[in-house]
Amino acid sequence: MGIRWRRLNERVKQRLGLANTSFLITSNRRCEMMFEEASHFAVHLRRMEATIKKLQDNAEEMMVDTRNIMLCSLPCTFDYSPSGQAVPEDPEPQIVGQNVKLDKFSVAMQTVKQKMEEEVMEPLRSWLEAFNNAVDRMKRLESLRLELDSRRRTVEVLKDKVEKQKSMLDSGSLRSPSAHDLSLKKLLHKEEKKNSTQSTFQNHESEVYKILYTLNKDTACLRDYTALAFNILTEAFGAAESAFLNNGVLMNSTSLGTDITNTPSNHGRRHSSAFPVSTVR
């Protein structure tokens, strides 16, 4: 019987209960339970990985868009000259980010990209890679378990056959005495294969157990990596905010002498602002 067929045959017997009900299948419960726990956690971790990556991309995109808009020219305001022509009130064009330290945005983007990758994403991916390795090892372990049980069944059947032949041999009812010797040799051969498979299974099960044990214990670190991700984003946005600071004070349009709420019109009235007046001091 080929190994693949042996394993498939044993899987069908165990799932459908077609074999001897008194046969105790080999247990792999501790690894199965830990693997189930790790599998559930891996779903959440992959979602967290995608969320953090999205946050990182959005933060970088915000830095790029903010820098670009800071380089845009402010829309000009026009009024009539004494000659009746519409002329700009400020002949010198200004940009949105006047006095803004634009290099700070590059620093902020580099902070997000480098730190998030090295300090958060790499450890998360390492855990997932270790989990994928555990998936492959669990498949191998299950194959060994099925092969072991199949060989145990074969040995049990041969033991019954040898004992029956021995009784018949003692009573003289066995027609071919050599049949007992052949069955005994076959039993010893099958027992040797069974013992070899059992040793391989036990060693592999021990290795898988250690891998899963370490994986599940390491999951407690996710809290720290999540907090670190927020810390990195906070640091990056802090670096971006510093672009708008002047001697430690946040600049606003009023401090730059462009308070649009107090600009008189050619009719002597005041314009109402589309933006709320900043309360930043």
C-alpha atoms as a PDB file:
ATOM      1  CA  MET A   1       0.000   0.000   0.000  1.00  0.00           C
ATOM      2  CA  GLY A   2       1.424   3.367  -1.027  1.00  0.00           C
ATOM      3  CA  ILE A   3       1.872   6.025   1.645  1.00  0.00           C
ATOM      4  CA  ARG A   4      -0.564   8.445  -0.012  1.00  0.00           C
ATOM      5  CA  TRP A   5      -3.232   5.789  -0.328  1.00  0.00           C
ATOM      6  CA  ARG A   6      -2.573   4.654   3.234  1.00  0.00           C
ATOM      7  CA  ARG A   7      -3.105   8.191   4.557  1.00  0.00           C
ATOM      8  CA  LEU A   8      -6.193   8.801   2.440  1.00  0.00           C
ATOM      9  CA  ASN A   9      -7.713   5.495   3.482  1.00  0.00           C
ATOM     10  CA  GLU A  10      -7.081   6.279   7.160  1.00  0.00           C
ATOM     11  CA  ARG A  11      -8.572   9.772   6.826  1.00  0.00           C
ATOM     12  CA  VAL A  12     -11.783   8.298   5.390  1.00  0.00           C
ATOM     13  CA  LYS A  13     -11.977   5.697   8.157  1.00  0.00           C
ATOM     14  CA  GLN A  14     -11.583   8.299  10.899  1.00  0.00           C
ATOM     15  CA  ARG A  15     -14.024  10.770   9.418  1.00  0.00           C
ATOM     16  CA  LEU A  16     -16.734   8.261   8.611  1.00  0.00           C
ATOM     17  CA  GLY A  17     -16.090   5.888  11.509  1.00  0.00           C
ATOM     18  CA  LEU A  18     -15.795   2.888   9.208  1.00  0.00           C
ATOM     19  CA  ALA A  19     -13.126   1.054  11.206  1.00  0.00           C
ATOM     20  CA  ASN A  20     -13.022  -0.651  14.587  1.00  0.00           C
ATOM     21  CA  THR A  21     -14.695   1.703  17.075  1.00  0.00           C
ATOM     22  CA  SER A  22     -12.462   0.436  19.897  1.00  0.00           C
ATOM     23  CA  PHE A  23      -9.383   1.739  18.060  1.00  0.00           C
ATOM     24  CA  LEU A  24      -8.003   4.860  19.766  1.00  0.00           C
ATOM     25  CA  ILE A  25      -6.710   7.319  17.211  1.00  0.00           C
ATOM     26  CA  THR A  26      -3.456   9.122  17.902  1.00  0.00           C
ATOM     27  CA  SER A  27      -4.036  12.450  19.608  1.00  0.00           C
ATOM     28  CA  ASN A  28      -2.667  15.705  18.278  1.00  0.00           C
ATOM     29  CA  ARG A  29      -5.082  17.835  20.258  1.00  0.00           C
ATOM     30  CA  ARG A  30      -2.684  20.274  21.916  1.00  0.00           C
ATOM     31  CA  CYS A  31      -1.219  21.369  18.592  1.00  0.00           C
ATOM     32  CA  GLU A  32      -4.642  21.483  16.946  1.00  0.00           C
ATOM     33  CA  MET A  33      -6.037  23.726  19.685  1.00  0.00           C
ATOM     34  CA  MET A  34      -3.076  26.127  19.561  1.00  0.00           C
ATOM     35  CA  PHE A  35      -3.146  26.175  15.769  1.00  0.00           C
ATOM     36  CA  GLU A  36      -6.839  27.069  15.839  1.00  0.00           C
ATOM     37  CA  GLU A  37      -6.092  29.939  18.234  1.00  0.00           C
ATOM     38  CA  ALA A  38      -3.212  31.152  16.068  1.00  0.00           C
ATOM     39  CA  SER A  39      -5.370  30.946  12.922  1.00  0.00           C
ATOM     40  CA  HIS A  40      -8.042  33.189  14.432  1.00  0.00           C
ATOM     41  CA  PHE A  41      -5.381  35.657  15.538  1.00  0.00           C
ATOM     42  CA  ALA A  42      -3.733  35.665  12.095  1.00  0.00           C
ATOM     43  CA  VAL A  43      -6.993  36.950  10.571  1.00  0.00           C
ATOM     44  CA  HIS A  44      -6.981  39.938  12.935  1.00  0.00           C
ATOM     45  CA  LEU A  45      -3.271  40.538  12.407  1.00  0.00           C
ATOM     46  CA  ARG A  46      -3.599  40.610   8.616  1.00  0.00           C
ATOM     47  CA  ARG A  47      -6.425  43.112   9.003  1.00  0.00           C
ATOM     48  CA  MET A  48      -4.290  45.202  11.347  1.00  0.00           C
ATOM     49  CA  GLU A  49      -1.377  45.050   8.917  1.00  0.00           C
ATOM     50  CA  ALA A  50      -3.608  46.315   6.102  1.00  0.00           C
ATOM     51  CA  THR A  51      -5.034  49.075   8.315  1.00  0.00           C
ATOM     52  CA  ILE A  52      -1.617  50.307   9.406  1.00  0.00           C
ATOM     53  CA  LYS A  53      -0.417  50.283   5.799  1.00  0.00           C
ATOM     54  CA  LYS A  54      -3.470  52.299   4.798  1.00  0.00           C
ATOM     55  CA  LEU A  55      -2.821  54.796   7.596  1.00  0.00           C
ATOM     56  CA  GLN A  56       0.792  55.093   6.488  1.00  0.00           C
ATOM     57  CA  ASP A  57      -0.196  55.656   2.852  1.00  0.00           C
ATOM     58  CA  ASN A  58      -2.839  58.216   3.838  1.00  0.00           C
ATOM     59  CA  ALA A  59      -0.375  60.081   6.059  1.00  0.00           C
ATOM     60  CA  GLU A  60       2.228  60.204   3.288  1.00  0.00           C
ATOM     61  CA  GLU A  61      -0.410  61.312   0.795  1.00  0.00           C
ATOM     62  CA  MET A  62      -1.504  64.088   3.157  1.00  0.00           C
ATOM     63  CA  MET A  63       2.104  65.288   3.498  1.00  0.00           C
ATOM     64  CA  VAL A  64       2.550  65.394  -0.295  1.00  0.00           C
ATOM     65  CA  ASP A  65      -0.789  67.110  -0.909  1.00  0.00           C
ATOM     66  CA  THR A  66      -0.166  69.638   1.876  1.00  0.00           C
ATOM     67  CA  ARG A  67       3.276  70.517   0.505  1.00  0.00           C
ATOM     68  CA  ASN A  68       1.843  70.919  -2.988  1.00  0.00           C
ATOM     69  CA  ILE A  69      -0.962  73.182  -1.869  1.00  0.00           C
ATOM     70  CA  MET A  70       1.453  75.272   0.199  1.00  0.00           C
ATOM     71  CA  LEU A  71       3.299  75.976  -3.080  1.00  0.00           C
ATOM     72  CA  CYS A  72       0.119  77.150  -4.812  1.00  0.00           C
ATOM     73  CA  SER A  73      -0.329  80.841  -5.477  1.00  0.00           C
ATOM     74  CA  LEU A  74      -3.006  82.624  -3.503  1.00  0.00           C
ATOM     75  CA  PRO A  75      -5.904  83.828  -5.654  1.00  0.00           C
ATOM     76  CA  CYS A  76      -5.509  87.526  -6.319  1.00  0.00           C
ATOM     77  CA  THR A  77      -8.017  90.143  -5.244  1.00  0.00           C
ATOM     78  CA  PHE A  78      -8.838  92.861  -7.755  1.00  0.00           C
ATOM     79  CA  ASP A  79     -10.238  96.381  -7.492  1.00  0.00           C
ATOM     80  CA  TYR A  80     -10.690  99.323  -9.801  1.00  0.00           C
ATOM     81  CA  SER A  81      -7.826 101.730 -10.300  1.00  0.00           C
ATOM     82  CA  PRO A  82      -8.408 105.499 -10.541  1.00  0.00           C
ATOM     83  CA  SER A  83      -8.459 105.020 -14.296  1.00  0.00           C
ATOM     84  CA  GLY A  84     -11.264 102.487 -14.002  1.00  0.00           C
ATOM     85  CA  GLN A  85      -9.217  99.371 -14.790  1.00  0.00           C
ATOM     86  CA  ALA A  86      -9.413  96.173 -12.697  1.00  0.00           C
ATOM     87  CA  VAL A  87      -5.985  95.711 -11.161  1.00  0.00           C
ATOM     88  CA  PRO A  88      -4.656  93.321  -8.471  1.00  0.00           C
ATOM     89  CA  GLU A  89      -4.602  94.823  -5.005  1.00  0.00           C
ATOM     90  CA  ASP A  90      -1.289  93.123  -4.243  1.00  0.00           C
ATOM     91  CA  PRO A  91       1.085  93.383  -7.224  1.00  0.00           C
ATOM     92  CA  GLU A  92       3.438  90.774  -5.699  1.00  0.00           C
ATOM     93  CA  PRO A  93       1.988  87.239  -5.977  1.00  0.00           C
ATOM     94  CA  GLN A  94       2.059  85.211  -2.785  1.00  0.00           C
ATOM     95  CA  ILE A  95       1.869  81.472  -2.145  1.00  0.00           C
ATOM     96  CA  VAL A  96      -0.383  79.715   0.346  1.00  0.00           C
ATOM     97  CA  GLY A  97       2.554  78.482   2.406  1.00  0.00           C
ATOM     98  CA  GLN A  98       4.199  81.851   2.933  1.00  0.00           C
ATOM     99  CA  ASN A  99       6.955  81.418   5.547  1.00  0.00           C
ATOM    100  CA  VAL A 100       6.076  77.712   5.901  1.00  0.00           C
ATOM    101  CA  LYS A 101       9.136  75.457   6.267  1.00  0.00           C
ATOM    102  CA  LEU A 102       8.346  73.063   3.427  1.00  0.00           C
ATOM    103  CA  ASP A 103      11.347  70.819   4.110  1.00  0.00           C
ATOM    104  CA  LYS A 104       9.608  69.658   7.296  1.00  0.00           C
ATOM    105  CA  PHE A 105       7.116  67.678   5.210  1.00  0.00           C
ATOM    106  CA  SER A 106       9.912  65.593   3.680  1.00  0.00           C
ATOM    107  CA  VAL A 107      11.189  64.852   7.179  1.00  0.00           C
ATOM    108  CA  ALA A 108       7.694  63.850   8.291  1.00  0.00           C
ATOM    109  CA  MET A 109       7.214  61.541   5.288  1.00  0.00           C
ATOM    110  CA  GLN A 110      10.572  59.867   5.882  1.00  0.00           C
ATOM    111  CA  THR A 111       9.685  59.389   9.542  1.00  0.00           C
ATOM    112  CA  VAL A 112       6.438  57.619   8.687  1.00  0.00           C
ATOM    113  CA  LYS A 113       7.910  55.448   5.942  1.00  0.00           C
ATOM    114  CA  GLN A 114      11.120  54.317   7.609  1.00  0.00           C
ATOM    115  CA  LYS A 115      10.020  53.908  11.203  1.00  0.00           C
ATOM    116  CA  MET A 116       6.689  52.285  10.393  1.00  0.00           C
ATOM    117  CA  GLU A 117       8.397  49.763   8.138  1.00  0.00           C
ATOM    118  CA  GLU A 118      11.288  48.894  10.442  1.00  0.00           C
ATOM    119  CA  GLU A 119       9.621  49.097  13.849  1.00  0.00           C
ATOM    120  CA  VAL A 120       6.075  47.921  13.119  1.00  0.00           C
ATOM    121  CA  MET A 121       5.510  46.268   9.747  1.00  0.00           C
ATOM    122  CA  GLU A 122       8.577  44.016   9.731  1.00  0.00           C
ATOM    123  CA  PRO A 123       7.773  42.421  13.138  1.00  0.00           C
ATOM    124  CA  LEU A 124       4.149  41.871  12.097  1.00  0.00           C
ATOM    125  CA  ARG A 125       5.214  40.240   8.836  1.00  0.00           C
ATOM    126  CA  SER A 126       7.729  38.084  10.713  1.00  0.00           C
ATOM    127  CA  TRP A 127       4.930  36.700  12.875  1.00  0.00           C
ATOM    128  CA  LEU A 128       2.784  35.980   9.816  1.00  0.00           C
ATOM    129  CA  GLU A 129       5.704  34.256   8.080  1.00  0.00           C
ATOM    130  CA  ALA A 130       6.222  32.091  11.160  1.00  0.00           C
ATOM    131  CA  PHE A 131       2.507  31.302  11.143  1.00  0.00           C
ATOM    132  CA  ASN A 132       2.644  30.279   7.466  1.00  0.00           C
ATOM    133  CA  ASN A 133       5.525  27.987   8.362  1.00  0.00           C
ATOM    134  CA  ALA A 134       3.373  26.494  11.117  1.00  0.00           C
ATOM    135  CA  VAL A 135       0.587  25.893   8.579  1.00  0.00           C
ATOM    136  CA  ASP A 136       2.915  23.776   6.445  1.00  0.00           C
ATOM    137  CA  ARG A 137       4.216  21.894   9.479  1.00  0.00           C
ATOM    138  CA  MET A 138       0.689  21.165  10.687  1.00  0.00           C
ATOM    139  CA  LYS A 139      -0.150  19.629   7.309  1.00  0.00           C
ATOM    140  CA  ARG A 140       2.947  17.439   7.562  1.00  0.00           C
ATOM    141  CA  LEU A 141       2.051  16.508  11.150  1.00  0.00           C
ATOM    142  CA  GLU A 142      -1.471  15.468  10.186  1.00  0.00           C
ATOM    143  CA  SER A 143      -0.107  13.306   7.361  1.00  0.00           C
ATOM    144  CA  LEU A 144       2.262  11.589   9.787  1.00  0.00           C
ATOM    145  CA  ARG A 145      -0.545  11.067  12.291  1.00  0.00           C
ATOM    146  CA  LEU A 146      -2.746   9.384   9.684  1.00  0.00           C
ATOM    147  CA  GLU A 147       0.146   7.235   8.482  1.00  0.00           C
ATOM    148  CA  LEU A 148       0.934   6.202  12.049  1.00  0.00           C
ATOM    149  CA  ASP A 149      -2.653   5.191  12.795  1.00  0.00           C
ATOM    150  CA  SER A 150      -2.845   3.264   9.554  1.00  0.00           C
ATOM    151  CA  ARG A 151       0.311   1.317  10.448  1.00  0.00           C
ATOM    152  CA  ARG A 152      -1.006   0.720  13.970  1.00  0.00           C
ATOM    153  CA  ARG A 153      -4.150  -0.828  12.485  1.00  0.00           C
ATOM    154  CA  THR A 154      -2.050  -3.026  10.223  1.00  0.00           C
ATOM    155  CA  VAL A 155       0.028  -4.220  13.180  1.00  0.00           C
ATOM    156  CA  GLU A 156      -3.075  -4.954  15.252  1.00  0.00           C
ATOM    157  CA  VAL A 157      -4.587  -7.018  12.427  1.00  0.00           C
ATOM    158  CA  LEU A 158      -1.347  -8.967  12.010  1.00  0.00           C
ATOM    159  CA  LYS A 159      -1.090  -9.561  15.774  1.00  0.00           C
ATOM    160  CA  ASP A 160      -4.558 -11.090  15.805  1.00  0.00           C
ATOM    161  CA  LYS A 161      -3.632 -13.205  12.807  1.00  0.00           C
ATOM    162  CA  VAL A 162      -0.380 -14.427  14.396  1.00  0.00           C
ATOM    163  CA  GLU A 163      -2.119 -15.288  17.681  1.00  0.00           C
ATOM    164  CA  LYS A 164      -4.853 -17.168  15.844  1.00  0.00           C
ATOM    165  CA  GLN A 165      -2.290 -19.097  13.804  1.00  0.00           C
ATOM    166  CA  LYS A 166      -0.324 -19.867  16.975  1.00  0.00           C
ATOM    167  CA  SER A 167      -3.424 -21.381  18.588  1.00  0.00           C
ATOM    168  CA  MET A 168      -4.118 -23.439  15.478  1.00  0.00           C
ATOM    169  CA  LEU A 169      -0.482 -24.504  15.350  1.00  0.00           C
ATOM    170  CA  ASP A 170      -0.594 -25.689  18.955  1.00  0.00           C
ATOM    171  CA  SER A 171      -3.796 -27.600  18.304  1.00  0.00           C
ATOM    172  CA  GLY A 172      -2.467 -29.060  15.080  1.00  0.00           C
ATOM    173  CA  SER A 173      -5.237 -27.575  12.975  1.00  0.00           C
ATOM    174  CA  LEU A 174      -2.957 -25.275  10.984  1.00  0.00           C
ATOM    175  CA  ARG A 175      -2.473 -26.852   7.576  1.00  0.00           C
ATOM    176  CA  SER A 176       0.751 -24.975   6.771  1.00  0.00           C
ATOM    177  CA  PRO A 177       3.047 -24.419   9.783  1.00  0.00           C
ATOM    178  CA  SER A 178       5.239 -22.162   7.653  1.00  0.00           C
ATOM    179  CA  ALA A 179       2.306 -19.717   7.332  1.00  0.00           C
ATOM    180  CA  HIS A 180       2.763 -18.808  10.988  1.00  0.00           C
ATOM    181  CA  ASP A 181       6.453 -18.063  10.448  1.00  0.00           C
ATOM    182  CA  LEU A 182       5.682 -15.883   7.424  1.00  0.00           C
ATOM    183  CA  SER A 183       3.015 -13.959   9.333  1.00  0.00           C
ATOM    184  CA  LEU A 184       5.390 -13.483  12.268  1.00  0.00           C
ATOM    185  CA  LYS A 185       8.118 -12.107  10.001  1.00  0.00           C
ATOM    186  CA  LYS A 186       5.633  -9.767   8.358  1.00  0.00           C
ATOM    187  CA  LEU A 187       4.440  -8.609  11.781  1.00  0.00           C
ATOM    188  CA  LEU A 188       7.987  -7.806  12.888  1.00  0.00           C
ATOM    189  CA  HIS A 189       8.598  -5.884   9.665  1.00  0.00           C
ATOM    190  CA  LYS A 190       5.383  -3.885  10.027  1.00  0.00           C
ATOM    191  CA  GLU A 191       6.100  -3.168  13.686  1.00  0.00           C
ATOM    192  CA  GLU A 192       9.494  -1.794  12.726  1.00  0.00           C
ATOM    193  CA  LYS A 193       7.871   0.559  10.204  1.00  0.00           C
ATOM    194  CA  LYS A 194       5.222   1.543  12.718  1.00  0.00           C
ATOM    195  CA  ASN A 195       7.828   2.346  15.374  1.00  0.00           C
ATOM    196  CA  SER A 196       9.835   4.409  12.898  1.00  0.00           C
ATOM    197  CA  THR A 197       6.745   6.382  11.889  1.00  0.00           C
ATOM    198  CA  GLN A 198       5.790   6.855  15.524  1.00  0.00           C
ATOM    199  CA  SER A 199       9.215   8.250  16.355  1.00  0.00           C
ATOM    200  CA  THR A 200       9.051  10.646  13.393  1.00  0.00           C
ATOM    201  CA  PHE A 201       5.574  11.759  14.401  1.00  0.00           C
ATOM    202  CA  GLN A 202       6.534  12.380  18.022  1.00  0.00           C
ATOM    203  CA  ASN A 203       9.613  14.409  17.057  1.00  0.00           C
ATOM    204  CA  HIS A 204       7.664  16.467  14.553  1.00  0.00           C
ATOM    205  CA  GLU A 205       4.803  16.990  16.988  1.00  0.00           C
ATOM    206  CA  SER A 206       7.250  18.278  19.587  1.00  0.00           C
ATOM    207  CA  GLU A 207       8.745  20.741  17.088  1.00  0.00           C
ATOM    208  CA  VAL A 208       5.328  21.992  15.971  1.00  0.00           C
ATOM    209  CA  TYR A 209       4.244  22.382  19.581  1.00  0.00           C
ATOM    210  CA  LYS A 210       7.246  24.587  20.353  1.00  0.00           C
ATOM    211  CA  ILE A 211       6.604  26.718  17.250  1.00  0.00           C
ATOM    212  CA  LEU A 212       2.924  27.213  18.060  1.00  0.00           C
ATOM    213  CA  TYR A 213       3.645  27.826  21.737  1.00  0.00           C
ATOM    214  CA  THR A 214       6.102  30.586  20.845  1.00  0.00           C
ATOM    215  CA  LEU A 215       3.739  32.061  18.245  1.00  0.00           C
ATOM    216  CA  ASN A 216       0.830  32.280  20.646  1.00  0.00           C
ATOM    217  CA  LYS A 217       2.965  33.755  23.413  1.00  0.00           C
ATOM    218  CA  ASP A 218       4.332  36.395  21.035  1.00  0.00           C
ATOM    219  CA  THR A 219       0.839  37.673  20.235  1.00  0.00           C
ATOM    220  CA  ALA A 220       0.886  39.777  23.414  1.00  0.00           C
ATOM    221  CA  CYS A 221       3.336  42.097  21.616  1.00  0.00           C
ATOM    222  CA  LEU A 222       0.652  43.240  19.157  1.00  0.00           C
ATOM    223  CA  ARG A 223      -0.562  45.769  21.712  1.00  0.00           C
ATOM    224  CA  ASP A 224       2.914  47.321  21.829  1.00  0.00           C
ATOM    225  CA  TYR A 225       3.269  47.460  18.044  1.00  0.00           C
ATOM    226  CA  THR A 226      -0.172  49.032  17.713  1.00  0.00           C
ATOM    227  CA  ALA A 227       0.732  51.719  20.242  1.00  0.00           C
ATOM    228  CA  LEU A 228       4.057  52.243  18.455  1.00  0.00           C
ATOM    229  CA  ALA A 229       2.258  52.759  15.142  1.00  0.00           C
ATOM    230  CA  PHE A 230       0.163  55.548  16.657  1.00  0.00           C
ATOM    231  CA  ASN A 231       3.274  57.004  18.275  1.00  0.00           C
ATOM    232  CA  ILE A 232       5.078  57.112  14.913  1.00  0.00           C
ATOM    233  CA  LEU A 233       2.097  58.798  13.261  1.00  0.00           C
ATOM    234  CA  THR A 234       1.925  61.326  16.097  1.00  0.00           C
ATOM    235  CA  GLU A 235       5.643  62.044  15.727  1.00  0.00           C
ATOM    236  CA  ALA A 236       5.284  62.450  11.965  1.00  0.00           C
ATOM    237  CA  PHE A 237       2.360  64.851  12.245  1.00  0.00           C
ATOM    238  CA  GLY A 238       4.261  66.740  14.934  1.00  0.00           C
ATOM    239  CA  ALA A 239       7.147  67.161  12.510  1.00  0.00           C
ATOM    240  CA  ALA A 240       4.705  68.366   9.850  1.00  0.00           C
ATOM    241  CA  GLU A 241       3.096  70.807  12.277  1.00  0.00           C
ATOM    242  CA  SER A 242       6.487  72.328  13.085  1.00  0.00           C
ATOM    243  CA  ALA A 243       6.548  73.629   9.511  1.00  0.00           C
ATOM    244  CA  PHE A 244       3.897  76.136  10.551  1.00  0.00           C
ATOM    245  CA  LEU A 245       5.635  77.300  13.740  1.00  0.00           C
ATOM    246  CA  ASN A 246       7.308  80.671  14.045  1.00  0.00           C
ATOM    247  CA  ASN A 247       9.409  80.944  17.205  1.00  0.00           C
ATOM    248  CA  GLY A 248       7.343  78.140  18.690  1.00  0.00           C
ATOM    249  CA  VAL A 249       4.017  79.829  17.889  1.00  0.00           C
ATOM    250  CA  LEU A 250       1.632  78.524  15.257  1.00  0.00           C
ATOM    251  CA  MET A 251       1.380  81.020  12.392  1.00  0.00           C
ATOM    252  CA  ASN A 252      -2.005  82.180  11.123  1.00  0.00           C
ATOM    253  CA  SER A 253      -3.244  84.589   8.459  1.00  0.00           C
ATOM    254  CA  THR A 254      -3.727  87.380  11.011  1.00  0.00           C
ATOM    255  CA  SER A 255      -0.095  87.220  12.108  1.00  0.00           C
ATOM    256  CA  LEU A 256       0.935  87.513   8.453  1.00  0.00           C
ATOM    257  CA  GLY A 257      -1.147  90.652   7.987  1.00  0.00           C
ATOM    258  CA  THR A 258      -3.739  89.024   5.717  1.00  0.00           C
ATOM    259  CA  ASP A 259      -6.845  89.054   7.852  1.00  0.00           C
ATOM    260  CA  ILE A 260      -9.523  88.808   5.194  1.00  0.00           C
ATOM    261  CA  THR A 261     -12.275  89.625   7.665  1.00  0.00           C
ATOM    262  CA  ASN A 262     -11.166  93.272   7.866  1.00  0.00           C
ATOM    263  CA  THR A 263     -10.680  94.108   4.183  1.00  0.00           C
ATOM    264  CA  PRO A 264     -12.867  97.047   3.071  1.00  0.00           C
ATOM    265  CA  SER A 265     -14.708  96.803  -0.241  1.00  0.00           C
ATOM    266  CA  ASN A 266     -15.001  99.614  -2.779  1.00  0.00           C
ATOM    267  CA  HIS A 267     -18.402 100.303  -1.224  1.00  0.00           C
ATOM    268  CA  GLY A 268     -16.948 100.868   2.248  1.00  0.00           C
ATOM    269  CA  ARG A 269     -18.354  97.579   3.672  1.00  0.00           C
ATOM    270  CA  ARG A 270     -16.531  94.618   5.189  1.00  0.00           C
ATOM    271  CA  HIS A 271     -16.335  91.214   3.529  1.00  0.00           C
ATOM    272  CA  SER A 272     -17.546  88.226   5.514  1.00  0.00           C
ATOM    273  CA  SER A 273     -15.051  85.369   5.660  1.00  0.00           C
ATOM    274  CA  ALA A 274     -15.846  81.917   4.295  1.00  0.00           C
ATOM    275  CA  PHE A 275     -13.516  80.499   6.934  1.00  0.00           C
ATOM    276  CA  PRO A 276     -14.070  80.752  10.691  1.00  0.00           C
ATOM    277  CA  VAL A 277     -11.698  83.159  12.419  1.00  0.00           C
ATOM    278  CA  SER A 278      -8.741  81.222  13.814  1.00  0.00           C
ATOM    279  CA  THR A 279      -8.426  81.116  17.565  1.00  0.00           C
ATOM    280  CA  VAL A 280      -4.845  79.875  17.463  1.00  0.00           C
ATOM    281  CA  ARG A 281      -2.510  82.080  19.509  1.00  0.00           C
END
